[in-house]
Structures are given as structure tokens and as C-alpha cells.
Amino acid sequence: MSFTAGYWALGALKPDVIAYVGCDMVYETQPGESTHFYGLGTADPLRPDVTLQSLEAKSLRLQALAHQNGCSVVNLSERKKSRLCFPRLALTTLATLTQRPHVETPSPCAVESALNAESDLGYWVESGRYWEEQDRFDRQKLRDIDALWLATAPGLALA
């Protein structure tokens, strides 16, 4: 849902910056620690979901497409672990942000390759309710596309 909201904001609002906070998609905690801005949460109830094999790849996809639209995507969370691969930024820095934060620009060729692979796969679901049709989705082909998105950030150290 957080990625859906990000794509909606990108398309409808055309922002310069999309900032995520309290949405690290990490659910193991230490005593007294929250997983979300509202306290404790659990993984998306649609899981197991064939389309969500790599949350890191999905975050890099959003970041790359946002970049193509002149928008930076950042993570304001103070948690050490996050499944989001967006650059970290302090809230105080965001308040004074006058230009895009420095992020490594994904290779346009790598982004185009990933988008072409998605298009070639043809898994478009008109209704948007892909979970009603996921029997026709090939897990390995989706994993291969995730690998293409992960390759758009070669210097990224994933946890």
C-alpha cells in the first residue's frame, strides 16, 4: 500500500520530494520499540503475495521512476533497519530542503531494461486487483524483474 500511495502522489501531485516515515517494513522489534508510526504493525495481510518478493526492488523502482519525473524519494525514519532503499534524511533537513537531495542517479539503461522486462511480461491487470489473477504470474520471472530493479543501485548494501 505504501508504494501504491507513492505512485499516486507522484502522478497526481507531481511533488519535488516524497518522504516516507514510520514505514520501514521491518516487523521484528526490541522490547518497547515500535514498528510503525502508530506503534506495532504486522506484514501486509495480502502476503504471501507473488508480486512482493523483494520490497527493496519495489522501493528502487519507485525511486527510479520518481527520479525520471524530477522527484526525490527519501526515508525520514530513524530506525536502523529498513526495507526501503531510499536515501536517509533527517526531518530537520527536509524542512530546509531547497533542492533535490544528493542521490546516486540510476542508470537510464538499467531503468529502461527493467521497465521493458515488465512490459514484455504483460502482467498488467486492468482492475488493479492482481491478487485475483496471480495464478497466471510466474514467481521466477517476477524475481528476475526484481533483480533488474536491484541492479539499478549497484552500490546499495542490502541488509
N, C-alpha and C. Protein backbone atom coordinates (compact mmCIF):
# COMPACT_ATOMS: atom_id res chain seq x y z
N MET A 1 0.81 -1.19 0.00
CA MET A 1 0.00 0.00 0.00
C MET A 1 0.86 1.26 0.00
N SER A 2 1.99 1.23 0.68
CA SER A 2 2.81 2.44 0.73
C SER A 2 3.38 2.78 -0.64
N PHE A 3 3.70 1.76 -1.44
CA PHE A 3 4.19 2.04 -2.78
C PHE A 3 3.06 2.56 -3.66
N THR A 4 1.87 2.00 -3.52
CA THR A 4 0.71 2.49 -4.27
C THR A 4 0.48 3.96 -3.96
N ALA A 5 0.57 4.32 -2.69
CA ALA A 5 0.40 5.73 -2.30
C ALA A 5 1.51 6.59 -2.90
N GLY A 6 2.73 6.06 -2.94
CA GLY A 6 3.84 6.80 -3.54
C GLY A 6 3.62 7.06 -5.01
N TYR A 7 3.16 6.04 -5.74
CA TYR A 7 2.89 6.23 -7.17
C TYR A 7 1.73 7.19 -7.39
N TRP A 8 0.71 7.10 -6.54
CA TRP A 8 -0.40 8.03 -6.66
C TRP A 8 0.09 9.46 -6.46
N ALA A 9 0.86 9.68 -5.39
CA ALA A 9 1.37 11.03 -5.10
C ALA A 9 2.23 11.53 -6.26
N LEU A 10 3.09 10.67 -6.78
CA LEU A 10 3.96 11.05 -7.88
C LEU A 10 3.14 11.50 -9.09
N GLY A 11 2.12 10.73 -9.44
CA GLY A 11 1.33 11.05 -10.62
C GLY A 11 0.34 12.19 -10.41
N ALA A 12 -0.33 12.19 -9.28
CA ALA A 12 -1.41 13.17 -9.05
C ALA A 12 -0.87 14.51 -8.54
N LEU A 13 0.12 14.48 -7.68
CA LEU A 13 0.59 15.70 -7.03
C LEU A 13 1.86 16.28 -7.65
N LYS A 14 2.60 15.44 -8.38
CA LYS A 14 3.85 15.84 -9.02
C LYS A 14 4.78 16.58 -8.06
N PRO A 15 5.10 15.96 -6.92
CA PRO A 15 5.93 16.64 -5.92
C PRO A 15 7.42 16.64 -6.30
N ASP A 16 8.16 17.50 -5.62
CA ASP A 16 9.61 17.50 -5.75
C ASP A 16 10.22 16.42 -4.87
N VAL A 17 9.57 16.14 -3.74
CA VAL A 17 10.07 15.17 -2.78
C VAL A 17 8.90 14.36 -2.24
N ILE A 18 9.08 13.05 -2.13
CA ILE A 18 8.16 12.18 -1.40
C ILE A 18 8.99 11.64 -0.23
N ALA A 19 8.50 11.86 0.98
CA ALA A 19 9.24 11.44 2.17
C ALA A 19 8.43 10.39 2.92
N TYR A 20 9.07 9.27 3.20
CA TYR A 20 8.46 8.20 3.97
C TYR A 20 8.96 8.29 5.41
N VAL A 21 8.08 8.04 6.35
CA VAL A 21 8.46 7.98 7.76
C VAL A 21 7.61 6.91 8.43
N GLY A 22 8.24 6.11 9.28
CA GLY A 22 7.49 5.09 10.01
C GLY A 22 6.94 3.99 9.13
N CYS A 23 7.62 3.72 8.04
CA CYS A 23 7.15 2.70 7.09
C CYS A 23 8.34 1.91 6.59
N ASP A 24 9.08 1.30 7.53
CA ASP A 24 10.30 0.60 7.15
C ASP A 24 10.08 -0.86 6.76
N MET A 25 8.88 -1.37 7.00
CA MET A 25 8.52 -2.74 6.63
C MET A 25 9.42 -3.76 7.30
N VAL A 26 9.85 -3.45 8.51
CA VAL A 26 10.63 -4.35 9.35
C VAL A 26 9.78 -4.61 10.58
N TYR A 27 9.49 -5.86 10.86
CA TYR A 27 8.49 -6.17 11.88
C TYR A 27 9.06 -6.77 13.15
N GLU A 28 10.32 -7.20 13.15
CA GLU A 28 10.90 -7.68 14.41
C GLU A 28 11.30 -6.46 15.23
N THR A 29 11.08 -6.51 16.54
CA THR A 29 11.35 -5.36 17.41
C THR A 29 12.07 -5.78 18.68
N GLN A 30 12.65 -4.80 19.31
CA GLN A 30 13.20 -4.94 20.65
C GLN A 30 12.08 -4.51 21.61
N PRO A 31 12.13 -4.93 22.87
CA PRO A 31 11.09 -4.50 23.82
C PRO A 31 10.96 -2.98 23.85
N GLY A 32 9.71 -2.52 23.76
CA GLY A 32 9.41 -1.10 23.79
C GLY A 32 9.61 -0.36 22.48
N GLU A 33 10.03 -1.06 21.44
CA GLU A 33 10.28 -0.44 20.14
C GLU A 33 9.04 -0.58 19.25
N SER A 34 8.75 0.47 18.48
CA SER A 34 7.62 0.45 17.55
C SER A 34 8.09 -0.03 16.18
N THR A 35 7.17 -0.58 15.41
CA THR A 35 7.47 -0.95 14.03
C THR A 35 6.94 0.09 13.06
N HIS A 36 5.99 0.90 13.49
CA HIS A 36 5.32 1.88 12.62
C HIS A 36 5.07 3.17 13.39
N PHE A 37 4.70 4.21 12.67
CA PHE A 37 4.41 5.48 13.31
C PHE A 37 3.26 5.36 14.30
N TYR A 38 2.39 4.37 14.14
CA TYR A 38 1.24 4.19 15.02
C TYR A 38 1.50 3.13 16.11
N GLY A 39 2.70 2.62 16.18
CA GLY A 39 3.02 1.61 17.19
C GLY A 39 3.50 0.33 16.54
N LEU A 40 2.84 -0.78 16.88
CA LEU A 40 3.23 -2.08 16.34
C LEU A 40 2.36 -2.44 15.14
N GLY A 41 2.96 -3.05 14.15
CA GLY A 41 2.22 -3.48 12.98
C GLY A 41 2.68 -4.85 12.55
N THR A 42 1.99 -5.39 11.56
CA THR A 42 2.34 -6.69 11.00
C THR A 42 2.46 -6.56 9.49
N ALA A 43 3.03 -7.57 8.88
CA ALA A 43 3.19 -7.57 7.43
C ALA A 43 1.83 -7.48 6.75
N ASP A 44 1.84 -6.95 5.54
CA ASP A 44 0.64 -6.80 4.72
C ASP A 44 -0.18 -8.09 4.73
N PRO A 45 -1.48 -7.99 4.98
CA PRO A 45 -2.30 -9.20 5.04
C PRO A 45 -2.43 -9.93 3.70
N LEU A 46 -2.02 -9.30 2.61
CA LEU A 46 -2.10 -9.98 1.31
C LEU A 46 -0.95 -10.97 1.12
N ARG A 47 0.03 -10.96 2.01
CA ARG A 47 1.12 -11.90 1.88
C ARG A 47 0.67 -13.28 2.26
N PRO A 48 1.14 -14.35 1.70
CA PRO A 48 2.18 -14.34 0.68
C PRO A 48 1.65 -13.80 -0.64
N ASP A 49 2.38 -12.87 -1.22
CA ASP A 49 1.97 -12.18 -2.43
C ASP A 49 3.08 -12.35 -3.45
N VAL A 50 2.79 -12.97 -4.56
CA VAL A 50 3.79 -13.29 -5.57
C VAL A 50 4.49 -12.03 -6.11
N THR A 51 3.82 -10.88 -6.03
CA THR A 51 4.42 -9.66 -6.57
C THR A 51 5.34 -8.96 -5.58
N LEU A 52 5.33 -9.38 -4.32
CA LEU A 52 6.13 -8.70 -3.29
C LEU A 52 7.28 -9.58 -2.80
N GLN A 53 8.06 -10.10 -3.71
CA GLN A 53 9.18 -10.95 -3.33
C GLN A 53 10.36 -10.12 -2.83
N SER A 54 10.54 -8.92 -3.36
CA SER A 54 11.64 -8.06 -2.93
C SER A 54 11.12 -6.65 -2.72
N LEU A 55 10.91 -6.29 -1.46
CA LEU A 55 10.47 -4.93 -1.15
C LEU A 55 11.56 -3.93 -1.52
N GLU A 56 12.81 -4.35 -1.43
CA GLU A 56 13.91 -3.47 -1.81
C GLU A 56 13.82 -3.12 -3.30
N ALA A 57 13.56 -4.12 -4.14
CA ALA A 57 13.43 -3.87 -5.58
C ALA A 57 12.24 -2.96 -5.86
N LYS A 58 11.16 -3.16 -5.13
CA LYS A 58 9.98 -2.32 -5.35
C LYS A 58 10.27 -0.88 -4.94
N SER A 59 11.06 -0.68 -3.88
CA SER A 59 11.38 0.69 -3.48
C SER A 59 12.31 1.35 -4.51
N LEU A 60 13.25 0.58 -5.07
CA LEU A 60 14.14 1.13 -6.08
C LEU A 60 13.39 1.47 -7.36
N ARG A 61 12.34 0.70 -7.68
CA ARG A 61 11.52 1.00 -8.85
C ARG A 61 10.84 2.35 -8.66
N LEU A 62 10.22 2.56 -7.49
CA LEU A 62 9.57 3.84 -7.22
C LEU A 62 10.58 4.97 -7.27
N GLN A 63 11.73 4.77 -6.67
CA GLN A 63 12.75 5.82 -6.65
C GLN A 63 13.20 6.16 -8.07
N ALA A 64 13.42 5.17 -8.91
CA ALA A 64 13.88 5.41 -10.28
C ALA A 64 12.82 6.15 -11.09
N LEU A 65 11.56 5.74 -10.97
CA LEU A 65 10.51 6.40 -11.74
C LEU A 65 10.26 7.81 -11.20
N ALA A 66 10.38 7.99 -9.89
CA ALA A 66 10.26 9.34 -9.32
C ALA A 66 11.37 10.23 -9.87
N HIS A 67 12.60 9.70 -9.90
CA HIS A 67 13.74 10.45 -10.42
C HIS A 67 13.48 10.90 -11.86
N GLN A 68 12.91 10.00 -12.67
CA GLN A 68 12.60 10.36 -14.05
C GLN A 68 11.59 11.50 -14.13
N ASN A 69 10.82 11.69 -13.06
CA ASN A 69 9.80 12.74 -13.01
C ASN A 69 10.23 13.93 -12.15
N GLY A 70 11.54 14.05 -11.89
CA GLY A 70 12.05 15.19 -11.15
C GLY A 70 11.72 15.19 -9.68
N CYS A 71 11.52 14.01 -9.11
CA CYS A 71 11.13 13.88 -7.71
C CYS A 71 12.12 12.99 -6.97
N SER A 72 12.51 13.41 -5.77
CA SER A 72 13.35 12.58 -4.92
C SER A 72 12.46 11.85 -3.92
N VAL A 73 12.83 10.63 -3.60
CA VAL A 73 12.12 9.86 -2.58
C VAL A 73 13.12 9.60 -1.46
N VAL A 74 12.75 9.97 -0.23
CA VAL A 74 13.66 9.83 0.90
C VAL A 74 12.96 9.11 2.05
N ASN A 75 13.78 8.62 2.97
CA ASN A 75 13.28 7.92 4.16
C ASN A 75 13.66 8.77 5.38
N LEU A 76 12.66 9.24 6.11
CA LEU A 76 12.88 10.06 7.30
C LEU A 76 12.96 9.23 8.58
N SER A 77 12.76 7.94 8.47
CA SER A 77 12.74 7.08 9.64
C SER A 77 14.07 7.09 10.37
N GLU A 78 14.00 6.96 11.69
CA GLU A 78 15.22 6.89 12.49
C GLU A 78 15.59 5.45 12.84
N ARG A 79 14.78 4.48 12.44
CA ARG A 79 15.12 3.07 12.66
C ARG A 79 16.38 2.72 11.88
N LYS A 80 17.18 1.87 12.47
CA LYS A 80 18.41 1.46 11.79
C LYS A 80 18.12 0.59 10.58
N LYS A 81 17.16 -0.33 10.71
CA LYS A 81 16.84 -1.25 9.62
C LYS A 81 15.63 -0.72 8.84
N SER A 82 15.69 -0.92 7.55
CA SER A 82 14.56 -0.55 6.69
C SER A 82 14.63 -1.40 5.44
N ARG A 83 13.47 -1.76 4.91
CA ARG A 83 13.41 -2.46 3.62
C ARG A 83 13.38 -1.44 2.48
N LEU A 84 13.17 -0.16 2.83
CA LEU A 84 13.17 0.91 1.83
C LEU A 84 14.62 1.26 1.49
N CYS A 85 14.92 1.38 0.22
CA CYS A 85 16.28 1.69 -0.21
C CYS A 85 16.46 3.18 -0.51
N PHE A 86 15.54 3.99 -0.03
CA PHE A 86 15.63 5.43 -0.26
C PHE A 86 16.72 6.03 0.62
N PRO A 87 17.36 7.10 0.15
CA PRO A 87 18.35 7.77 0.99
C PRO A 87 17.71 8.26 2.29
N ARG A 88 18.49 8.19 3.37
CA ARG A 88 18.02 8.68 4.67
C ARG A 88 18.19 10.19 4.73
N LEU A 89 17.23 10.83 5.38
CA LEU A 89 17.27 12.27 5.54
C LEU A 89 16.63 12.60 6.88
N ALA A 90 17.20 13.54 7.60
CA ALA A 90 16.62 13.96 8.87
C ALA A 90 15.46 14.92 8.61
N LEU A 91 14.45 14.86 9.44
CA LEU A 91 13.29 15.73 9.29
C LEU A 91 13.71 17.20 9.28
N THR A 92 14.67 17.55 10.11
CA THR A 92 15.12 18.95 10.15
C THR A 92 15.74 19.36 8.82
N THR A 93 16.41 18.43 8.15
CA THR A 93 16.98 18.72 6.84
C THR A 93 15.88 18.87 5.80
N LEU A 94 14.86 18.05 5.89
CA LEU A 94 13.76 18.13 4.94
C LEU A 94 13.10 19.50 5.01
N ALA A 95 12.96 20.04 6.21
CA ALA A 95 12.31 21.33 6.38
C ALA A 95 13.05 22.45 5.65
N THR A 96 14.35 22.29 5.46
CA THR A 96 15.13 23.34 4.79
C THR A 96 15.53 22.96 3.38
N LEU A 97 15.00 21.86 2.89
CA LEU A 97 15.38 21.36 1.58
C LEU A 97 14.95 22.34 0.48
N THR A 98 15.91 22.77 -0.30
CA THR A 98 15.60 23.68 -1.41
C THR A 98 15.93 23.05 -2.75
N GLN A 99 16.61 21.94 -2.72
CA GLN A 99 16.92 21.23 -3.95
C GLN A 99 16.92 19.74 -3.66
N ARG A 100 16.90 18.95 -4.70
CA ARG A 100 16.86 17.51 -4.52
C ARG A 100 18.06 17.04 -3.71
N PRO A 101 17.81 16.15 -2.74
CA PRO A 101 18.94 15.60 -2.00
C PRO A 101 19.83 14.79 -2.96
N HIS A 102 21.12 14.75 -2.64
CA HIS A 102 22.03 14.00 -3.50
C HIS A 102 21.71 12.52 -3.41
N VAL A 103 21.34 11.96 -4.51
CA VAL A 103 21.15 10.52 -4.60
C VAL A 103 21.87 10.05 -5.84
N GLU A 104 22.39 8.86 -5.76
CA GLU A 104 23.05 8.30 -6.92
C GLU A 104 22.00 8.07 -7.99
N THR A 105 22.22 8.64 -9.15
CA THR A 105 21.27 8.54 -10.25
C THR A 105 21.31 7.13 -10.83
N PRO A 106 20.15 6.48 -10.90
CA PRO A 106 20.15 5.16 -11.51
C PRO A 106 20.47 5.25 -13.00
N SER A 107 21.13 4.26 -13.51
CA SER A 107 21.46 4.21 -14.93
C SER A 107 20.17 4.20 -15.75
N PRO A 108 20.03 5.17 -16.66
CA PRO A 108 18.83 5.17 -17.51
C PRO A 108 18.67 3.85 -18.28
N CYS A 109 19.78 3.24 -18.68
CA CYS A 109 19.72 1.96 -19.40
C CYS A 109 19.18 0.85 -18.50
N ALA A 110 19.63 0.85 -17.22
CA ALA A 110 19.15 -0.18 -16.29
C ALA A 110 17.67 -0.01 -16.01
N VAL A 111 17.22 1.24 -15.86
CA VAL A 111 15.80 1.51 -15.62
C VAL A 111 14.98 1.09 -16.84
N GLU A 112 15.45 1.47 -18.02
CA GLU A 112 14.74 1.10 -19.25
C GLU A 112 14.67 -0.42 -19.41
N SER A 113 15.74 -1.10 -19.07
CA SER A 113 15.76 -2.56 -19.16
C SER A 113 14.71 -3.18 -18.24
N ALA A 114 14.62 -2.68 -17.02
CA ALA A 114 13.63 -3.21 -16.06
C ALA A 114 12.21 -2.91 -16.53
N LEU A 115 11.98 -1.70 -17.01
CA LEU A 115 10.64 -1.34 -17.50
C LEU A 115 10.25 -2.17 -18.72
N ASN A 116 11.21 -2.41 -19.61
CA ASN A 116 10.94 -3.24 -20.79
C ASN A 116 10.61 -4.67 -20.39
N ALA A 117 11.34 -5.19 -19.41
CA ALA A 117 11.07 -6.56 -18.94
C ALA A 117 9.66 -6.65 -18.35
N GLU A 118 9.26 -5.63 -17.60
CA GLU A 118 7.89 -5.61 -17.07
C GLU A 118 6.86 -5.59 -18.19
N SER A 119 7.12 -4.74 -19.17
CA SER A 119 6.19 -4.63 -20.30
C SER A 119 6.10 -5.94 -21.08
N ASP A 120 7.26 -6.55 -21.34
CA ASP A 120 7.30 -7.81 -22.08
C ASP A 120 6.56 -8.93 -21.35
N LEU A 121 6.61 -8.88 -20.03
CA LEU A 121 5.94 -9.92 -19.24
C LEU A 121 4.42 -9.82 -19.37
N GLY A 122 3.91 -8.60 -19.53
CA GLY A 122 2.49 -8.42 -19.79
C GLY A 122 1.58 -8.77 -18.63
N TYR A 123 2.01 -8.53 -17.42
CA TYR A 123 1.20 -8.88 -16.25
C TYR A 123 0.27 -7.74 -15.83
N TRP A 124 -0.09 -6.90 -16.74
CA TRP A 124 -1.00 -5.79 -16.45
C TRP A 124 -2.38 -6.34 -16.11
N VAL A 125 -2.94 -5.87 -15.00
CA VAL A 125 -4.28 -6.27 -14.59
C VAL A 125 -5.13 -5.01 -14.58
N GLU A 126 -6.06 -4.92 -15.50
CA GLU A 126 -6.86 -3.70 -15.69
C GLU A 126 -7.52 -3.23 -14.40
N SER A 127 -8.05 -4.14 -13.61
CA SER A 127 -8.77 -3.76 -12.39
C SER A 127 -7.82 -3.31 -11.27
N GLY A 128 -6.54 -3.66 -11.39
CA GLY A 128 -5.59 -3.38 -10.32
C GLY A 128 -5.60 -4.45 -9.24
N ARG A 129 -6.53 -5.37 -9.30
CA ARG A 129 -6.68 -6.43 -8.29
C ARG A 129 -5.88 -7.66 -8.73
N TYR A 130 -4.58 -7.47 -8.81
CA TYR A 130 -3.69 -8.51 -9.34
C TYR A 130 -3.77 -9.80 -8.54
N TRP A 131 -4.09 -9.72 -7.26
CA TRP A 131 -4.13 -10.93 -6.43
C TRP A 131 -5.24 -11.87 -6.86
N GLU A 132 -6.21 -11.37 -7.61
CA GLU A 132 -7.28 -12.23 -8.11
C GLU A 132 -6.82 -13.01 -9.35
N GLU A 133 -5.69 -12.62 -9.92
CA GLU A 133 -5.19 -13.27 -11.13
C GLU A 133 -3.77 -13.79 -10.96
N GLN A 134 -3.25 -13.86 -9.74
CA GLN A 134 -1.84 -14.18 -9.58
C GLN A 134 -1.49 -15.63 -9.92
N ASP A 135 -2.49 -16.46 -10.19
CA ASP A 135 -2.20 -17.82 -10.65
C ASP A 135 -1.47 -17.81 -11.99
N ARG A 136 -1.66 -16.76 -12.77
CA ARG A 136 -1.01 -16.67 -14.07
C ARG A 136 0.37 -16.02 -14.00
N PHE A 137 0.81 -15.64 -12.79
CA PHE A 137 2.11 -14.98 -12.62
C PHE A 137 3.18 -16.03 -12.31
N ASP A 138 4.31 -15.89 -12.94
CA ASP A 138 5.45 -16.78 -12.73
C ASP A 138 6.37 -16.14 -11.70
N ARG A 139 6.53 -16.80 -10.57
CA ARG A 139 7.34 -16.29 -9.46
C ARG A 139 8.78 -16.00 -9.90
N GLN A 140 9.37 -16.89 -10.69
CA GLN A 140 10.75 -16.71 -11.12
C GLN A 140 10.89 -15.51 -12.05
N LYS A 141 9.94 -15.32 -12.95
CA LYS A 141 10.01 -14.16 -13.86
C LYS A 141 9.91 -12.86 -13.06
N LEU A 142 9.06 -12.84 -12.04
CA LEU A 142 8.96 -11.66 -11.19
C LEU A 142 10.24 -11.45 -10.39
N ARG A 143 10.85 -12.54 -9.94
CA ARG A 143 12.13 -12.46 -9.23
C ARG A 143 13.21 -11.88 -10.16
N ASP A 144 13.18 -12.29 -11.43
CA ASP A 144 14.14 -11.78 -12.40
C ASP A 144 13.97 -10.26 -12.60
N ILE A 145 12.73 -9.81 -12.63
CA ILE A 145 12.48 -8.37 -12.75
C ILE A 145 12.95 -7.64 -11.49
N ASP A 146 12.70 -8.21 -10.33
CA ASP A 146 13.21 -7.61 -9.09
C ASP A 146 14.72 -7.46 -9.17
N ALA A 147 15.41 -8.47 -9.72
CA ALA A 147 16.87 -8.40 -9.85
C ALA A 147 17.28 -7.24 -10.75
N LEU A 148 16.49 -6.98 -11.80
CA LEU A 148 16.80 -5.84 -12.67
C LEU A 148 16.65 -4.52 -11.92
N TRP A 149 15.62 -4.43 -11.07
CA TRP A 149 15.46 -3.20 -10.27
C TRP A 149 16.57 -3.07 -9.24
N LEU A 150 16.96 -4.16 -8.63
CA LEU A 150 18.07 -4.12 -7.67
C LEU A 150 19.37 -3.69 -8.35
N ALA A 151 19.52 -4.04 -9.61
CA ALA A 151 20.72 -3.67 -10.36
C ALA A 151 20.78 -2.18 -10.69
N THR A 152 19.67 -1.45 -10.50
CA THR A 152 19.70 -0.01 -10.76
C THR A 152 20.46 0.73 -9.67
N ALA A 153 20.76 0.05 -8.55
CA ALA A 153 21.50 0.65 -7.43
C ALA A 153 22.66 -0.27 -7.06
N PRO A 154 23.67 -0.36 -7.92
CA PRO A 154 24.74 -1.34 -7.70
C PRO A 154 25.54 -1.12 -6.41
N GLY A 155 25.61 0.09 -5.91
CA GLY A 155 26.39 0.36 -4.70
C GLY A 155 25.60 0.16 -3.42
N LEU A 156 24.36 -0.26 -3.51
CA LEU A 156 23.49 -0.39 -2.35
C LEU A 156 23.85 -1.63 -1.55
N ALA A 157 24.03 -1.44 -0.26
CA ALA A 157 24.28 -2.58 0.64
C ALA A 157 22.96 -2.98 1.29
N LEU A 158 22.45 -4.11 0.88
CA LEU A 158 21.17 -4.58 1.42
C LEU A 158 21.41 -5.39 2.68
N ALA A 159 20.51 -5.19 3.67
CA ALA A 159 20.64 -5.92 4.95
C ALA A 159 20.30 -7.37 4.77
